[in-house]
């Protein structure tokens, strides 16, 4: 099929590579404009842009689709479908209607649960037992369009955002390739869009960096899930001895005390409800290490109040 691809981060790049490998004709690749990043604040193109330009694909980086000429350029590509994965821009109706089969979205949740920007992190934080991907026919709403296909995966006690991201990116790519095979007639059967349920919708707010500071007044179970939900980014952290220390792995533990109080020499910390034992941490400018190794060169004695 003749496709337009629209995506920005690594999650989207997995799908773009698969569509190219499947032999689809990529008429254009749309991605967010380069952003300033790093200490030098140099402009950094998205992973999708870097890969697409490296293979000679035509890349477009509009800041928005508010100008009629931007939407007209999109329509002029005469695509059979546009594949959207973590793109980051709102698409007006003129863009949604331009391809023959419209715009198809790979969304990292089981819609209507966790519409919005951070479905992976919010599903882990909320202690959901499962999540998955949804291939959706996009409409003018926020992740409200008809469902074409869904695939489910469990969320376990060891699930991190990084691992779930990779699993869902691969799963969503496989499902999209199947959907396109149905649309172009190379797969048997019929693919019938179905409306999203009228109940059960939740919104996955974008993760703000301020959320990464651990709030020890929260229950230990919630903090432990937040550690996994924010791994690898933005990374849950606390301050001690003038140092910012990231928590990479933790487990529920016995103990009680004022929230944020270190209870013993094993980095057990009192929370608003229960306690949390820190297992793996990372100091600023240092490699990740076991909490026991941290304590050998950086004292955090019992009674310390973490902030």
Protein backbone atom coordinates (compact mmCIF):
# COMPACT_ATOMS: atom_id res chain seq x y z
CA UNK A 1 0.00 0.00 0.00
CA UNK A 2 0.99 3.62 -0.46
CA UNK A 3 1.41 4.93 3.08
CA UNK A 4 2.20 8.08 5.00
CA UNK A 5 3.88 7.44 8.35
CA UNK A 6 3.47 9.85 11.26
CA UNK A 7 5.48 9.33 14.45
CA UNK A 8 8.30 10.73 16.56
CA UNK A 9 9.95 8.59 19.33
CA UNK A 10 11.48 5.11 19.44
CA UNK A 11 8.03 3.57 19.94
CA UNK A 12 7.04 4.86 16.49
CA UNK A 13 10.33 3.91 14.86
CA UNK A 14 9.66 0.21 15.50
CA UNK A 15 6.53 0.46 13.36
CA UNK A 16 8.19 2.51 10.63
CA UNK A 17 10.96 -0.05 10.21
CA UNK A 18 8.45 -2.90 10.00
CA UNK A 19 6.30 -1.14 7.40
CA UNK A 20 9.35 -0.47 5.26
CA UNK A 21 10.50 -4.08 5.62
CA UNK A 22 7.04 -5.31 4.62
CA UNK A 23 7.45 -3.58 1.27
CA UNK A 24 4.92 -0.81 1.64
CA UNK A 25 5.46 2.34 -0.44
CA UNK A 26 6.26 5.12 2.05
CA UNK A 27 5.15 8.28 0.27
CA UNK A 28 6.14 10.51 3.17
CA UNK A 29 7.25 10.47 6.80
CA UNK A 30 5.91 13.09 9.20
CA UNK A 31 7.59 13.70 12.55
CA UNK A 32 7.87 16.47 15.14
CA UNK A 33 10.41 19.22 14.38
CA UNK A 34 13.87 18.87 15.93
CA UNK A 35 14.04 20.00 19.55
CA UNK A 36 16.86 21.50 21.57
CA UNK A 37 18.33 18.98 23.99
CA UNK A 38 21.48 18.22 25.95
CA UNK A 39 23.86 20.59 27.69
CA UNK A 40 24.59 22.49 24.51
CA UNK A 41 20.89 22.78 23.65
CA UNK A 42 21.61 21.76 20.09
CA UNK A 43 18.70 20.89 17.81
CA UNK A 44 18.15 17.15 17.92
CA UNK A 45 15.99 15.42 15.29
CA UNK A 46 13.62 12.67 16.36
CA UNK A 47 14.58 8.99 16.04
CA UNK A 48 12.04 8.68 13.23
CA UNK A 49 13.57 11.58 11.30
CA UNK A 50 17.12 10.27 11.66
CA UNK A 51 16.19 6.81 10.41
CA UNK A 52 13.96 8.01 7.56
CA UNK A 53 16.49 10.52 6.23
CA UNK A 54 19.20 7.90 6.42
CA UNK A 55 17.19 5.81 3.98
CA UNK A 56 16.29 8.61 1.62
CA UNK A 57 12.64 8.80 2.59
CA UNK A 58 10.89 12.19 2.20
CA UNK A 59 10.55 13.73 5.67
CA UNK A 60 8.16 16.49 6.72
CA UNK A 61 8.42 18.30 10.07
CA UNK A 62 5.53 20.78 10.36
CA UNK A 63 5.01 22.41 13.75
CA UNK A 64 1.25 22.07 13.23
CA UNK A 65 -1.39 21.48 10.57
CA UNK A 66 -3.13 24.81 11.15
CA UNK A 67 -2.07 26.22 7.76
CA UNK A 68 -4.20 25.05 4.81
CA UNK A 69 -1.12 24.54 2.66
CA UNK A 70 0.28 22.00 5.16
CA UNK A 71 -2.87 19.90 4.98
CA UNK A 72 -2.92 20.31 1.18
CA UNK A 73 0.64 19.02 0.90
CA UNK A 74 -0.35 16.01 2.99
CA UNK A 75 -3.36 15.30 0.75
CA UNK A 76 -1.23 15.64 -2.39
CA UNK A 77 0.69 12.50 -1.40
CA UNK A 78 -2.45 10.51 -2.30
CA UNK A 79 -1.90 7.80 0.30
CA UNK A 80 -4.00 4.69 0.81
CA UNK A 81 -3.62 5.19 4.58
CA UNK A 82 -1.66 7.18 7.15
CA UNK A 83 -0.13 5.20 10.02
CA UNK A 84 0.15 7.23 13.24
CA UNK A 85 2.21 6.17 16.27
CA UNK A 86 3.07 8.57 19.09
CA UNK A 87 3.21 11.49 16.67
CA UNK A 88 2.37 14.32 19.05
CA UNK A 89 0.38 16.71 16.85
CA UNK A 90 -3.38 17.18 16.52
CA UNK A 91 -4.65 16.23 13.07
CA UNK A 92 -7.53 18.30 11.63
CA UNK A 93 -10.43 16.65 9.86
CA UNK A 94 -9.03 17.51 6.43
CA UNK A 95 -5.92 15.43 7.23
CA UNK A 96 -7.91 12.58 8.80
CA UNK A 97 -10.05 12.32 5.67
CA UNK A 98 -7.30 12.66 3.04
CA UNK A 99 -6.04 9.03 2.73
CA UNK A 100 -8.34 6.46 1.16
CA UNK A 101 -8.57 4.46 4.41
CA UNK A 102 -8.05 7.46 6.69
CA UNK A 103 -5.53 7.63 9.54
CA UNK A 104 -4.84 4.50 11.61
CA UNK A 105 -3.33 4.87 15.06
CA UNK A 106 -1.21 2.48 17.14
CA UNK A 107 -2.12 3.32 20.74
CA UNK A 108 -0.38 1.74 23.73
CA UNK A 109 -3.43 0.82 25.79
CA UNK A 110 -6.68 -1.10 25.65
CA UNK A 111 -8.92 1.81 24.71
CA UNK A 112 -10.99 3.41 26.09
CA UNK A 113 -8.77 2.91 29.15
CA UNK A 114 -5.83 5.32 29.21
CA UNK A 115 -6.51 7.72 26.39
CA UNK A 116 -3.82 10.38 26.21
CA UNK A 117 -0.08 10.86 26.39
CA UNK A 118 1.26 8.40 29.00
CA UNK A 119 -0.77 5.17 28.88
CA UNK A 120 2.17 2.89 29.70
CA UNK A 121 3.20 4.73 32.85
CA UNK A 122 -0.35 5.25 34.12
CA UNK A 123 -1.32 1.61 33.63
CA UNK A 124 1.59 0.49 35.82
CA UNK A 125 0.95 3.16 38.45
CA UNK A 126 -2.72 2.21 38.66
CA UNK A 127 -1.91 -1.47 39.32
CA UNK A 128 -3.75 -2.59 36.20
CA UNK A 129 -3.57 -6.35 35.72
CA UNK A 130 -3.19 -6.02 31.95
CA UNK A 131 -2.77 -3.56 29.15
CA UNK A 132 -2.13 -3.88 25.44
CA UNK A 133 -2.35 -2.06 22.15
CA UNK A 134 -5.24 -0.77 20.10
CA UNK A 135 -5.27 -0.18 16.35
CA UNK A 136 -7.80 2.61 15.96
CA UNK A 137 -9.43 4.47 13.09
CA UNK A 138 -8.72 8.07 14.09
CA UNK A 139 -11.47 10.65 14.41
CA UNK A 140 -11.49 14.24 15.65
CA UNK A 141 -11.60 13.21 19.33
CA UNK A 142 -8.69 12.31 21.60
CA UNK A 143 -8.20 8.56 21.09
CA UNK A 144 -11.94 8.10 20.65
CA UNK A 145 -12.15 6.47 17.20
CA UNK A 146 -13.46 3.01 16.29
CA UNK A 147 -11.33 0.00 17.24
CA UNK A 148 -9.96 -2.20 14.46
CA UNK A 149 -7.84 -4.60 16.53
CA UNK A 150 -6.60 -5.09 20.08
CA UNK A 151 -3.87 -7.25 21.60
CA UNK A 152 -3.44 -7.82 25.35
CA UNK A 153 -0.42 -8.33 27.62
CA UNK A 154 -0.27 -8.88 31.42
CA UNK A 155 1.31 -6.39 33.80
CA UNK A 156 3.30 -8.29 36.43
CA UNK A 157 4.96 -7.28 39.69
CA UNK A 158 8.21 -6.83 37.77
CA UNK A 159 6.89 -4.86 34.80
CA UNK A 160 8.74 -1.60 34.10
CA UNK A 161 7.79 1.14 31.67
CA UNK A 162 10.87 0.43 29.60
CA UNK A 163 10.13 -3.26 29.20
CA UNK A 164 6.44 -2.68 28.56
CA UNK A 165 7.27 0.02 26.00
CA UNK A 166 9.35 -2.41 23.97
CA UNK A 167 6.77 -5.19 24.22
CA UNK A 168 3.90 -2.96 23.15
CA UNK A 169 5.89 -1.36 20.32
CA UNK A 170 6.54 -4.80 18.83
CA UNK A 171 2.97 -5.96 19.44
CA UNK A 172 1.46 -2.84 17.92
CA UNK A 173 3.64 -3.15 14.86
CA UNK A 174 2.58 -6.77 14.30
CA UNK A 175 -1.08 -5.83 14.64
CA UNK A 176 -0.79 -2.89 12.23
CA UNK A 177 0.84 -5.08 9.60
CA UNK A 178 -2.11 -7.48 9.98
CA UNK A 179 -4.64 -4.65 9.64
CA UNK A 180 -2.98 -3.39 6.46
CA UNK A 181 -3.03 -6.90 5.02
CA UNK A 182 -6.79 -6.97 5.55
CA UNK A 183 -7.22 -3.54 4.00
CA UNK A 184 -5.26 -4.35 0.85
CA UNK A 185 -7.00 -7.72 0.43
CA UNK A 186 -4.00 -9.98 0.97
CA UNK A 187 -5.43 -11.43 4.21
CA UNK A 188 -8.60 -13.49 4.41
CA UNK A 189 -11.60 -12.46 6.46
CA UNK A 190 -13.25 -9.17 7.25
CA UNK A 191 -12.13 -6.42 9.61
CA UNK A 192 -15.12 -4.66 11.13
CA UNK A 193 -14.49 -1.47 13.11
CA UNK A 194 -16.32 -1.35 16.44
CA UNK A 195 -17.16 1.68 18.51
CA UNK A 196 -15.37 2.13 21.80
CA UNK A 197 -17.43 1.28 24.89
CA UNK A 198 -19.33 4.17 26.36
CA UNK A 199 -17.93 3.53 29.84
CA UNK A 200 -14.51 2.82 31.31
CA UNK A 201 -12.65 5.73 29.72
CA UNK A 202 -9.67 7.13 31.65
CA UNK A 203 -7.12 9.78 30.76
CA UNK A 204 -3.37 9.23 30.93
CA UNK A 205 -1.91 12.63 31.74
CA UNK A 206 1.56 13.38 30.42
CA UNK A 207 4.21 12.62 33.03
CA UNK A 208 5.55 15.82 34.55
CA UNK A 209 9.13 15.84 35.82
CA UNK A 210 7.87 17.07 39.20
CA UNK A 211 6.16 13.69 39.68
CA UNK A 212 9.53 11.94 39.68
CA UNK A 213 10.41 13.15 43.18
CA UNK A 214 9.24 10.40 45.50
CA UNK A 215 6.43 11.44 47.83
CA UNK A 216 7.09 9.29 50.87
CA UNK A 217 3.65 10.14 52.30
CA UNK A 218 2.14 7.88 49.63
CA UNK A 219 1.55 4.17 50.35
CA UNK A 220 4.62 2.00 49.79
CA UNK A 221 2.79 -0.05 47.13
CA UNK A 222 2.06 3.08 45.11
CA UNK A 223 5.66 4.29 45.36
CA UNK A 224 6.99 0.90 44.25
CA UNK A 225 4.74 0.98 41.19
CA UNK A 226 5.81 4.55 40.45
CA UNK A 227 9.47 3.47 40.52
CA UNK A 228 8.66 0.89 37.83
CA UNK A 229 6.40 3.27 35.90
CA UNK A 230 9.14 5.92 35.71
CA UNK A 231 11.92 3.50 34.70
CA UNK A 232 13.80 4.50 32.60
CA UNK A 233 12.37 8.02 32.39
CA UNK A 234 11.98 10.37 34.10
CA UNK A 235 13.32 8.16 36.93
CA UNK A 236 11.95 8.27 40.49
CA UNK A 237 14.36 9.95 42.91
CA UNK A 238 14.94 11.38 46.38
CA UNK A 239 17.54 13.70 47.89
CA UNK A 240 19.96 12.75 50.67
CA UNK A 241 23.18 14.41 51.81
CA UNK A 242 22.91 17.02 49.09
CA UNK A 243 22.78 14.34 46.40
CA UNK A 244 19.97 13.33 44.07
CA UNK A 245 19.61 9.55 44.08
CA UNK A 246 17.47 7.66 41.58
CA UNK A 247 15.63 4.54 42.69
CA UNK A 248 15.80 1.84 40.02
CA UNK A 249 14.33 -1.08 41.95
CA UNK A 250 12.54 -1.45 45.27
CA UNK A 251 10.36 -3.92 47.15
CA UNK A 252 7.70 -3.76 49.82
CA UNK A 253 9.01 -4.29 53.35
CA UNK A 254 7.89 -4.45 56.96
CA UNK A 255 8.23 -1.33 59.05
CA UNK A 256 6.57 1.92 60.05
CA UNK A 257 7.56 5.44 60.96
CA UNK A 258 7.31 9.02 59.85
CA UNK A 259 7.18 9.08 56.02
CA UNK A 260 10.65 9.33 54.50
CA UNK A 261 12.47 8.02 57.58
CA UNK A 262 15.25 5.48 56.98
CA UNK A 263 14.40 2.64 59.37
CA UNK A 264 17.55 0.48 59.28
CA UNK A 265 20.90 -0.14 57.63
CA UNK A 266 19.32 -1.88 54.65
CA UNK A 267 17.69 1.22 53.13
CA UNK A 268 14.21 0.43 54.36
CA UNK A 269 12.20 3.65 54.22
CA UNK A 270 8.93 4.38 56.00
CA UNK A 271 6.06 5.47 53.76
CA UNK A 272 2.60 6.86 54.38
CA UNK A 273 1.45 3.27 54.57
CA UNK A 274 3.98 0.46 55.02
CA UNK A 275 7.63 0.65 54.06
CA UNK A 276 9.83 0.26 51.01
CA UNK A 277 13.27 -1.36 50.79
CA UNK A 278 15.47 0.21 48.11
CA UNK A 279 17.37 -2.45 46.17
CA UNK A 280 19.07 -0.67 43.27
CA UNK A 281 19.93 3.01 43.07
CA UNK A 282 22.03 5.52 41.14
CA UNK A 283 23.84 8.62 42.40
CA UNK A 284 24.33 11.62 40.19
CA UNK A 285 27.19 10.96 37.76
CA UNK A 286 27.59 7.35 38.91
CA UNK A 287 26.65 3.97 37.49
CA UNK A 288 23.65 2.08 38.86
CA UNK A 289 24.51 0.01 41.92
CA UNK A 290 22.99 -2.13 44.65
CA UNK A 291 21.75 -0.08 47.60
CA UNK A 292 24.18 -1.99 49.84
CA UNK A 293 27.08 -0.82 47.67
CA UNK A 294 25.88 2.77 47.86
CA UNK A 295 25.90 2.66 51.66
CA UNK A 296 29.56 1.56 51.76
CA UNK A 297 30.69 4.92 50.41
CA UNK A 298 27.72 7.19 51.08
CA UNK A 299 26.29 7.13 54.58
CA UNK A 300 22.51 7.21 54.97
CA UNK A 301 22.10 6.04 58.57
CA UNK A 302 18.87 4.96 60.22
CA UNK A 303 16.89 7.99 61.31
CA UNK A 304 17.77 10.02 58.20
CA UNK A 305 14.79 11.82 56.71
CA UNK A 306 14.78 11.58 52.93
CA UNK A 307 13.34 14.40 50.87
